[in-house]
Amino acid sequence: MVLHLLCQGLEIFLKALLLLHDYDQFKPKLKYSPKTKSGYGHNLESLAADCSQVFGLHPMRGNLAAELKLLNSLYTQHLLRYASAPPCQCDLRQPPLRNY
């Protein structure tokens, strides 16, 4: 559940940055439309990529991009809500992903 809240916060923050940059351009893109298959919805990868582009940042590299991709996959499928995901099997002897 903590990861779900982290992702929600990140989603809101990234959307706020885009709206701050150009409200009229990004407001129509916030919600996903199944009819046109466009819009951000809960897609953290698209939001982060557009924020990077709009604010002139370099794209994410390596492990950071991989971690966001994994989180995005779980978040967009609603697998982080209320323990709806299967328990994670973690090898605590391995160091966490870093190098970003």
C-alpha atoms as a PDB file:
ATOM      1  CA  MET A   1       0.000   0.000   0.000  1.00  0.00           C
ATOM      2  CA  VAL A   2       2.930   2.329   0.660  1.00  0.00           C
ATOM      3  CA  LEU A   3       4.080   1.939  -2.934  1.00  0.00           C
ATOM      4  CA  HIS A   4       0.571   2.722  -4.160  1.00  0.00           C
ATOM      5  CA  LEU A   5       0.581   5.980  -2.191  1.00  0.00           C
ATOM      6  CA  LEU A   6       4.068   6.792  -3.478  1.00  0.00           C
ATOM      7  CA  CYS A   7       2.874   6.281  -7.056  1.00  0.00           C
ATOM      8  CA  GLN A   8      -0.244   8.380  -6.457  1.00  0.00           C
ATOM      9  CA  GLY A   9       1.883  11.191  -5.099  1.00  0.00           C
ATOM     10  CA  LEU A  10       4.267  10.971  -8.043  1.00  0.00           C
ATOM     11  CA  GLU A  11       1.348  10.989 -10.493  1.00  0.00           C
ATOM     12  CA  ILE A  12      -0.175  14.092  -8.900  1.00  0.00           C
ATOM     13  CA  PHE A  13       3.194  15.858  -8.745  1.00  0.00           C
ATOM     14  CA  LEU A  14       4.011  15.173 -12.406  1.00  0.00           C
ATOM     15  CA  LYS A  15       0.547  16.245 -13.549  1.00  0.00           C
ATOM     16  CA  ALA A  16       0.846  19.430 -11.484  1.00  0.00           C
ATOM     17  CA  LEU A  17       4.171  20.250 -13.134  1.00  0.00           C
ATOM     18  CA  LEU A  18       2.673  19.834 -16.590  1.00  0.00           C
ATOM     19  CA  LEU A  19      -0.326  21.989 -15.685  1.00  0.00           C
ATOM     20  CA  LEU A  20       1.989  24.620 -14.233  1.00  0.00           C
ATOM     21  CA  HIS A  21       3.930  24.694 -17.486  1.00  0.00           C
ATOM     22  CA  ASP A  22       0.931  25.021 -19.823  1.00  0.00           C
ATOM     23  CA  TYR A  23      -2.508  24.459 -18.342  1.00  0.00           C
ATOM     24  CA  ASP A  24      -4.436  24.774 -21.613  1.00  0.00           C
ATOM     25  CA  GLN A  25      -2.196  22.278 -23.415  1.00  0.00           C
ATOM     26  CA  PHE A  26      -2.054  19.567 -20.748  1.00  0.00           C
ATOM     27  CA  LYS A  27      -5.475  19.746 -19.030  1.00  0.00           C
ATOM     28  CA  PRO A  28      -7.225  17.772 -21.827  1.00  0.00           C
ATOM     29  CA  LYS A  29      -4.505  15.090 -21.681  1.00  0.00           C
ATOM     30  CA  LEU A  30      -4.785  14.247 -17.976  1.00  0.00           C
ATOM     31  CA  LYS A  31      -7.484  11.586 -18.218  1.00  0.00           C
ATOM     32  CA  TYR A  32      -7.115   8.490 -20.370  1.00  0.00           C
ATOM     33  CA  SER A  33      -9.784   8.124 -23.028  1.00  0.00           C
ATOM     34  CA  PRO A  34     -10.440   4.516 -24.101  1.00  0.00           C
ATOM     35  CA  LYS A  35     -12.309   5.820 -27.141  1.00  0.00           C
ATOM     36  CA  THR A  36      -9.288   7.676 -28.568  1.00  0.00           C
ATOM     37  CA  LYS A  37      -6.676   5.665 -26.628  1.00  0.00           C
ATOM     38  CA  SER A  38      -4.973   8.871 -25.598  1.00  0.00           C
ATOM     39  CA  GLY A  39      -4.239  10.730 -22.391  1.00  0.00           C
ATOM     40  CA  TYR A  40      -2.029  10.032 -19.404  1.00  0.00           C
ATOM     41  CA  GLY A  41      -4.415   8.337 -17.021  1.00  0.00           C
ATOM     42  CA  HIS A  42      -2.191   6.722 -14.391  1.00  0.00           C
ATOM     43  CA  ASN A  43       0.787   6.150 -16.716  1.00  0.00           C
ATOM     44  CA  LEU A  44       3.806   7.318 -14.727  1.00  0.00           C
ATOM     45  CA  GLU A  45       6.248   6.585 -17.553  1.00  0.00           C
ATOM     46  CA  SER A  46       4.437   8.873 -20.012  1.00  0.00           C
ATOM     47  CA  LEU A  47       4.083  11.593 -17.405  1.00  0.00           C
ATOM     48  CA  ALA A  48       7.762  11.429 -16.459  1.00  0.00           C
ATOM     49  CA  ALA A  49       8.884  11.387 -20.111  1.00  0.00           C
ATOM     50  CA  ASP A  50       6.765  14.432 -20.977  1.00  0.00           C
ATOM     51  CA  CYS A  51       7.902  16.305 -17.856  1.00  0.00           C
ATOM     52  CA  SER A  52      11.512  15.608 -18.765  1.00  0.00           C
ATOM     53  CA  GLN A  53      10.948  16.869 -22.286  1.00  0.00           C
ATOM     54  CA  VAL A  54       8.962  19.964 -21.265  1.00  0.00           C
ATOM     55  CA  PHE A  55      11.485  21.030 -18.637  1.00  0.00           C
ATOM     56  CA  GLY A  56      14.562  20.165 -20.730  1.00  0.00           C
ATOM     57  CA  LEU A  57      15.819  17.297 -18.576  1.00  0.00           C
ATOM     58  CA  HIS A  58      17.720  14.275 -19.796  1.00  0.00           C
ATOM     59  CA  PRO A  59      15.685  11.064 -20.042  1.00  0.00           C
ATOM     60  CA  MET A  60      16.006   8.650 -17.133  1.00  0.00           C
ATOM     61  CA  ARG A  61      18.801   6.156 -17.387  1.00  0.00           C
ATOM     62  CA  GLY A  62      19.315   2.517 -16.536  1.00  0.00           C
ATOM     63  CA  ASN A  63      18.104   1.375 -13.167  1.00  0.00           C
ATOM     64  CA  LEU A  64      15.922   4.394 -12.479  1.00  0.00           C
ATOM     65  CA  ALA A  65      14.015   3.853 -15.731  1.00  0.00           C
ATOM     66  CA  ALA A  66      13.722   0.132 -14.938  1.00  0.00           C
ATOM     67  CA  GLU A  67      12.348   0.812 -11.455  1.00  0.00           C
ATOM     68  CA  LEU A  68       9.809   3.303 -12.814  1.00  0.00           C
ATOM     69  CA  LYS A  69       8.765   0.818 -15.507  1.00  0.00           C
ATOM     70  CA  LEU A  70       8.176  -1.888 -12.894  1.00  0.00           C
ATOM     71  CA  LEU A  71       6.294   0.455 -10.551  1.00  0.00           C
ATOM     72  CA  ASN A  72       4.241   1.758 -13.474  1.00  0.00           C
ATOM     73  CA  SER A  73       3.301  -1.758 -14.510  1.00  0.00           C
ATOM     74  CA  LEU A  74       2.076  -2.624 -11.023  1.00  0.00           C
ATOM     75  CA  TYR A  75       0.400   0.758 -10.479  1.00  0.00           C
ATOM     76  CA  THR A  76      -1.529   0.889 -13.755  1.00  0.00           C
ATOM     77  CA  GLN A  77      -2.891  -2.618 -13.120  1.00  0.00           C
ATOM     78  CA  HIS A  78      -3.939  -1.562  -9.582  1.00  0.00           C
ATOM     79  CA  LEU A  79      -1.813  -4.308  -8.044  1.00  0.00           C
ATOM     80  CA  LEU A  80      -0.414  -2.081  -5.295  1.00  0.00           C
ATOM     81  CA  ARG A  81      -3.787  -1.298  -3.700  1.00  0.00           C
ATOM     82  CA  TYR A  82      -4.722  -2.863  -0.372  1.00  0.00           C
ATOM     83  CA  ALA A  83      -2.457  -5.871  -0.648  1.00  0.00           C
ATOM     84  CA  SER A  84      -4.043  -6.961  -3.929  1.00  0.00           C
ATOM     85  CA  ALA A  85      -0.662  -7.973  -5.314  1.00  0.00           C
ATOM     86  CA  PRO A  86       0.846 -11.361  -4.534  1.00  0.00           C
ATOM     87  CA  PRO A  87       3.545 -11.224  -1.858  1.00  0.00           C
ATOM     88  CA  CYS A  88       6.950 -10.184  -3.203  1.00  0.00           C
ATOM     89  CA  GLN A  89       9.817 -12.588  -2.923  1.00  0.00           C
ATOM     90  CA  CYS A  90      12.891 -10.468  -2.191  1.00  0.00           C
ATOM     91  CA  ASP A  91      16.457 -11.589  -1.714  1.00  0.00           C
ATOM     92  CA  LEU A  92      17.626  -9.247   1.027  1.00  0.00           C
ATOM     93  CA  ARG A  93      21.247 -10.255   0.397  1.00  0.00           C
ATOM     94  CA  GLN A  94      21.157  -8.412  -2.929  1.00  0.00           C
ATOM     95  CA  PRO A  95      21.755  -4.652  -2.824  1.00  0.00           C
ATOM     96  CA  PRO A  96      18.872  -2.461  -4.026  1.00  0.00           C
ATOM     97  CA  LEU A  97      18.961  -1.097  -7.568  1.00  0.00           C
ATOM     98  CA  ARG A  98      20.893   2.161  -7.699  1.00  0.00           C
ATOM     99  CA  ASN A  99      23.132   3.958 -10.237  1.00  0.00           C
ATOM    100  CA  TYR A 100      20.875   6.811 -11.079  1.00  0.00           C
END
